[in-house]
Amino acid sequence: MRVPLMLAVAVSALAAALPRAVQGADVYPTKPVRIVVAFAPGGPADVMARLIAGHISSSLGQTAYVENRPGAGGTLGARMVAEADPSGYTLLLGNTANLLISPLLYKNVGYDPAKAFAPVAMLGATPNILIASKASGFTSVQDLIAYARGNPGKLNFSSAGVGTPLHLIGEMFKQRLGLDIVHVSYKSGGEATTAIITGQAEICFDSPEAALPAVENGSVRGLAVTSAKRIPQLPDLPTMIEAGVPDFVSVSFTGVVAPAATPPDIVQKLNAAINQVLVSKDVVPILDHLAVTPQPGAPQDFGAFLGRERDKWSAVVKAAHLEASE
């Protein structure tokens, strides 16, 4: 009697497991989905996460909620998700900083973004705006370039700190054109913008959040946007390419990733739900107000984008001799 009983137990256990393995996304989710934001509440990443959470809750039939885990420049929360159970119930709202740049600069972030995460969906792309102090007298990108070529080492650009996206965009500008421009590091993006307003620095590749009000009220001069196309908020402002800098496109992004071994069918289900949010009539105007261009697409599209961006910023970091540190 013992062998048949053991066999029955084994068959029963296998039968219980089979529906979960076979059905996968058909039964997912059966509990709330956590979206980890590796930055403090109120910032751009947090706003994006909360914007999509409510909408995908309706689509998935389960609550999606935001959990802020700030620290270490966004790498603390990213590492937590990288180590999470790959079941689709813990996701990361990642961005340019913690999915690309920080792992290039620091030795011990605790994860390799190319291996630790499964791309789920890219949410949106945001250009930067090249602004100049009114005291500089620059009225175009070509004015700026001409001055920099004729006065090596005399032009300053401000940023929110060494290794931040705004710093690396400035480094890429220098490298592409062979310019000698001095980087001035500030403690925050707000201070970097203020430096342009007050004339302490001449130029800055700034975020739309800070630059748009300053350009619109005339306290700084907008020279160009770093996107491939002009933005509706400043339709008269040329792109960097239109301004005479070939192939100069740089956008910051936000996107959702899951732990690497998350089942593909669950990734696809999440991707479909997020894409619905990005084209919904009540969300698009909000994204437009934030100067965010929605980027619906397949997980493979997001993965290919991350690969291209990783290659680009790796080259910039190497050329700028920004050594990794603890």
Foldseek 3Di string as FASTA:
>chain_A
DVVVVVVVVVVVVVVVVVVCVVCQVVCPDPEEAEEEEQADPPDPLNVVQVLQQVQLCVVRVYGYDYDYNYDDQSLVRVLVQLPDDLARRYKYWDKCGRLAQQVLAADPSNDNNLQSWQFQWWFWWFWWWKWFAVVVVDQAPVVVLVVQVVDAPPAEAEDLAPRDPFVLLVLVVCVLSVGRYHYDHHNGLLVRLVCRLVVVHTITRHGCVSVLVCCVVVSIPTHAIQAPADAPSCNPHHHVVVRPRPPRHDIMTIGMIGTNPRDPVSSNSSLVSSLCSSPDPVNVVVCSVSNIDTDRDGSVVVSVVSVVVNVVSSVSCVVVVSHHYD
